[in-house]
Each structure stands twice: as structure tokens, then as C-alpha cells.
Protein backbone atom coordinates (compact mmCIF):
# COMPACT_ATOMS: atom_id res chain seq x y z
CA MET A 1 -1.81 -28.95 -7.91
CA THR A 2 1.76 -30.09 -8.43
CA GLN A 3 2.77 -28.73 -5.04
CA MET A 4 -0.07 -30.65 -3.42
CA ILE A 5 1.02 -33.89 -5.04
CA MET A 6 4.63 -33.32 -4.07
CA ALA A 7 3.67 -32.39 -0.50
CA SER A 8 2.00 -35.77 -0.05
CA GLU A 9 5.45 -37.35 -0.36
CA LEU A 10 6.94 -35.36 2.57
CA SER A 11 7.55 -37.14 5.84
CA ASP A 12 7.54 -33.93 7.92
CA ALA A 13 3.86 -33.39 8.80
CA ASP A 14 4.29 -29.68 9.61
CA LYS A 15 6.03 -28.97 6.33
CA GLN A 16 3.44 -31.03 4.43
CA ASP A 17 0.60 -29.11 6.07
CA ARG A 18 2.21 -25.73 5.27
CA TYR A 19 2.74 -26.64 1.61
CA LEU A 20 -0.82 -27.89 1.28
CA ARG A 21 -2.26 -24.73 2.89
CA GLU A 22 -0.18 -22.51 0.57
CA ALA A 23 -1.28 -24.46 -2.50
CA VAL A 24 -4.95 -24.35 -1.51
CA SER A 25 -4.63 -20.63 -0.82
CA ARG A 26 -3.22 -19.92 -4.27
CA ILE A 27 -5.86 -22.08 -5.97
CA SER A 28 -8.63 -20.38 -3.99
CA GLU A 29 -7.44 -16.89 -4.90
CA ALA A 30 -6.95 -17.79 -8.56
CA LEU A 31 -10.49 -19.15 -8.78
CA PHE A 32 -11.85 -16.08 -6.99
CA ARG A 33 -10.10 -13.82 -9.49
CA VAL A 34 -11.40 -15.78 -12.46
CA ALA A 35 -14.94 -15.80 -11.10
CA ASN A 36 -14.88 -12.06 -10.39
CA SER A 37 -12.96 -10.74 -13.36
CA ALA A 38 -14.81 -9.07 -16.18
CA GLU A 39 -11.71 -9.06 -18.38
CA VAL A 40 -10.00 -12.43 -18.82
CA THR A 41 -6.89 -10.83 -20.34
CA GLU A 42 -6.14 -9.22 -16.95
CA LEU A 43 -5.57 -12.65 -15.41
CA SER A 44 -1.95 -13.72 -15.43
CA LEU A 45 0.45 -15.53 -13.12
CA GLU A 46 3.52 -14.42 -15.05
CA VAL A 47 4.24 -11.65 -12.55
CA ASP A 48 3.66 -13.90 -9.51
CA ALA A 49 4.74 -17.42 -10.42
CA GLY A 50 5.33 -18.27 -6.75
CA GLY A 51 1.82 -17.25 -5.77
CA ALA A 52 2.78 -14.83 -2.98
CA GLU A 53 0.40 -12.16 -4.23
CA LEU A 54 -2.42 -14.69 -4.52
CA ILE A 55 -1.91 -15.82 -0.93
CA ARG A 56 -1.66 -12.25 0.37
CA ALA A 57 -4.81 -11.14 -1.48
CA ARG A 58 -6.83 -14.08 -0.15
CA GLU A 59 -5.64 -13.47 3.42
CA GLU A 60 -6.57 -9.79 3.21
CA ARG A 61 -10.01 -10.60 1.82
CA GLU A 62 -10.57 -13.15 4.61
CA LYS A 63 -9.49 -10.64 7.30
CA GLN A 64 -11.91 -8.08 5.90
CA TRP A 65 -14.69 -10.67 5.84
CA LEU A 66 -14.00 -11.57 9.50
CA VAL A 67 -14.12 -7.90 10.52
CA GLU A 68 -17.39 -7.37 8.68
CA THR A 69 -18.87 -10.55 10.15
CA ALA A 70 -17.85 -9.50 13.67
CA GLU A 71 -19.36 -6.03 13.18
CA GLN A 72 -22.65 -7.55 12.02
CA GLY A 73 -22.74 -9.74 15.11
CA ASP A 74 -22.52 -6.76 17.48
């Protein structure tokens, strides 16, 4: 959320958009993990404070969803 607030102060629209997309991606993945985790103690950002793993995991899940959706449409 902090990154989103700070991004709103940027004058460079491309940079602002990138920061907002990254922040939304991390939030989305974190919420997905919380909603789908049986064990709350497994949830931690200590190993990935920058959120790179969260972004990568969300992107992979979305790619898989697109492939499955395309296959169902055939």
C-alpha cells in the first residue's frame, strides 16, 4: 500500500504505472496465499520483502489459467 501511495506522487506516468502494477500484483498474490493456505504459520514475507516471489507466482498462475481457458475454448 505504501508503494501505491508513493507512486501517486511520481510525475513519470510510465514509472507510476509500473509501480502500481507491481504493488497490486504483490497484494493480489498475498491475498491468494492467505485465502488458500491451511497453515497460517507458513505465510511470511521475511524471505521476500521486495515481493519478487509474489509477483512471479501470480504471473505463473495467470499464465496457467490462460492456457487452461484457451484449451477449454477449443
